[in-house]
Amino acid sequence: MLINEPIEQGTDMLKTIPEVVSQARASLNCLTAAEASAQCKVNNGLVIDVREPNEFAEKSAVGSINIPRGLLEMKMLQMYPNAELAVFIHCATGVRAVFSGEQLQRVGYQNVSVITCDLEGVCRAFA
C-alpha cells in the first residue's frame, strides 16, 4: 500500500463517543447529583472526581477526592480494597465518569454509581 492510497473501510463502523457512552450507561447505576449526595450520606460513600489534578485544583465538589481516570483502577485497589464500598464518580461532563464506572465494575467494585450531570451540578449538590 502506498502512503497516499486510501484505506479500505471494513464492514464494521466506528462508534462515536456519545454512542459508546450511551451503551456503557445502560450497565451502570447513573444518578443525578442530588440523588448521589443523598445516597452518599446514607451509605458513607466515597466521592471521586476523575478529572486531571489541575482541573480538580481549579474547582471541586466539597468532600470529593481526586483520582484521575488514568490511575483510577490502580489507586482504588491500593487505597480502597473493599468491593462493597459505595463509590460515586463524577467529572466535568459525565463522559470520563461513565468510562471510569465501567472500569471499576470490571475490577470488581459492586456499589459504583456515576453522577451524570456537569461539574456545576455536582458542586451545588455537595455544597
Protein backbone atom coordinates (compact mmCIF):
# COMPACT_ATOMS: atom_id res chain seq x y z
CA MET A 1 0.00 0.00 0.00
CA LEU A 2 1.26 3.44 -0.88
CA ILE A 3 1.21 6.20 1.70
CA ASN A 4 -1.34 8.30 -0.19
CA GLU A 5 -3.51 5.34 -1.12
CA PRO A 6 -6.96 5.39 0.54
CA ILE A 7 -7.54 2.84 3.27
CA GLU A 8 -10.39 0.47 2.58
CA GLN A 9 -13.10 0.64 5.15
CA GLY A 10 -14.30 -2.63 6.63
CA THR A 11 -17.89 -3.56 7.23
CA ASP A 12 -17.65 -2.56 10.89
CA MET A 13 -18.29 1.09 11.54
CA LEU A 14 -16.55 3.05 14.23
CA LYS A 15 -18.77 4.28 17.04
CA THR A 16 -18.97 7.87 18.18
CA ILE A 17 -18.16 8.75 21.79
CA PRO A 18 -21.83 9.58 22.51
CA GLU A 19 -22.81 6.13 21.18
CA VAL A 20 -20.21 4.40 23.37
CA VAL A 21 -21.24 6.44 26.42
CA SER A 22 -24.90 5.67 25.85
CA GLN A 23 -24.15 1.96 25.56
CA ALA A 24 -21.98 1.99 28.69
CA ARG A 25 -24.58 3.88 30.75
CA ALA A 26 -27.03 1.03 30.23
CA SER A 27 -24.95 -1.20 32.50
CA LEU A 28 -24.24 1.44 35.17
CA ASN A 29 -26.12 2.90 38.10
CA CYS A 30 -26.48 6.53 36.96
CA LEU A 31 -27.68 9.21 39.38
CA THR A 32 -28.31 12.92 39.43
CA ALA A 33 -26.05 14.91 41.73
CA ALA A 34 -28.89 15.37 44.25
CA GLU A 35 -29.58 11.62 44.34
CA ALA A 36 -25.87 10.88 44.71
CA SER A 37 -25.47 13.39 47.52
CA ALA A 38 -28.37 11.86 49.47
CA GLN A 39 -27.18 8.28 48.92
CA CYS A 40 -23.59 9.18 49.73
CA LYS A 41 -24.62 10.50 53.15
CA VAL A 42 -26.70 7.41 53.91
CA ASN A 43 -24.06 4.93 52.69
CA ASN A 44 -20.99 6.81 53.93
CA GLY A 45 -19.78 6.79 50.34
CA LEU A 46 -16.65 7.94 48.61
CA VAL A 47 -17.00 10.73 46.03
CA ILE A 48 -14.31 10.53 43.36
CA ASP A 49 -13.56 13.25 40.84
CA VAL A 50 -11.81 11.55 37.89
CA ARG A 51 -10.67 14.77 36.21
CA GLU A 52 -7.00 15.70 35.98
CA PRO A 53 -5.32 17.24 39.07
CA ASN A 54 -5.11 20.73 37.54
CA GLU A 55 -8.86 20.65 36.80
CA PHE A 56 -9.59 19.47 40.35
CA ALA A 57 -7.41 22.27 41.80
CA GLU A 58 -9.41 24.91 39.90
CA LYS A 59 -12.79 23.78 41.23
CA SER A 60 -14.02 20.70 43.03
CA ALA A 61 -17.02 19.46 44.96
CA VAL A 62 -16.89 19.56 48.74
CA GLY A 63 -15.75 16.21 50.15
CA SER A 64 -14.60 14.75 46.84
CA ILE A 65 -11.18 13.23 46.30
CA ASN A 66 -9.22 13.35 43.07
CA ILE A 67 -8.12 10.17 41.36
CA PRO A 68 -7.58 10.80 37.63
CA ARG A 69 -9.24 8.37 35.25
CA GLY A 70 -5.89 7.02 34.03
CA LEU A 71 -4.90 5.94 37.55
CA LEU A 72 -8.29 5.01 38.93
CA GLU A 73 -8.21 1.22 38.98
CA MET A 74 -4.68 1.01 40.39
CA LYS A 75 -5.22 3.66 43.07
CA MET A 76 -8.61 2.30 44.11
CA LEU A 77 -7.28 -1.22 44.54
CA GLN A 78 -4.41 0.15 46.66
CA MET A 79 -6.32 2.72 48.72
CA TYR A 80 -9.84 1.26 48.94
CA PRO A 81 -9.74 -2.53 48.52
CA ASN A 82 -13.36 -3.01 49.63
CA ALA A 83 -15.51 -4.30 46.74
CA GLU A 84 -18.70 -3.24 48.56
CA LEU A 85 -17.66 0.36 49.21
CA ALA A 86 -20.23 2.88 47.94
CA VAL A 87 -18.40 4.81 45.23
CA PHE A 88 -19.80 7.89 43.49
CA ILE A 89 -17.86 9.03 40.44
CA HIS A 90 -18.04 12.35 38.64
CA CYS A 91 -16.10 14.51 36.20
CA ALA A 92 -16.81 17.74 34.30
CA THR A 93 -19.43 16.42 31.88
CA GLY A 94 -20.12 12.79 32.80
CA VAL A 95 -18.16 11.12 29.99
CA ARG A 96 -15.00 10.24 31.94
CA ALA A 97 -17.18 9.24 34.89
CA VAL A 98 -19.07 6.71 32.74
CA PHE A 99 -15.85 5.15 31.45
CA SER A 100 -14.45 5.11 34.99
CA GLY A 101 -17.57 3.43 36.36
CA GLU A 102 -17.23 0.70 33.76
CA GLN A 103 -13.62 0.09 34.75
CA LEU A 104 -14.34 -0.07 38.47
CA GLN A 105 -17.08 -2.61 37.85
CA ARG A 106 -14.69 -4.59 35.65
CA VAL A 107 -12.17 -4.91 38.50
CA GLY A 108 -14.88 -5.98 40.95
CA TYR A 109 -16.39 -2.95 42.69
CA GLN A 110 -20.05 -3.76 43.26
CA ASN A 111 -21.53 -0.49 44.51
CA VAL A 112 -20.49 2.05 41.86
CA SER A 113 -22.68 4.99 40.89
CA VAL A 114 -21.98 7.53 38.17
CA ILE A 115 -23.10 11.12 38.62
CA THR A 116 -24.35 12.14 35.20
CA CYS A 117 -24.56 15.92 35.38
CA ASP A 118 -21.93 18.61 34.86
CA LEU A 119 -19.46 19.82 37.48
CA GLU A 120 -21.60 22.80 38.47
CA GLY A 121 -24.47 20.49 39.39
CA VAL A 122 -22.17 18.27 41.45
CA CYS A 123 -20.68 21.24 43.30
CA ARG A 124 -24.16 22.58 44.13
CA ALA A 125 -25.45 19.19 45.35
CA PHE A 126 -22.43 18.51 47.57
CA ALA A 127 -22.09 22.07 48.96
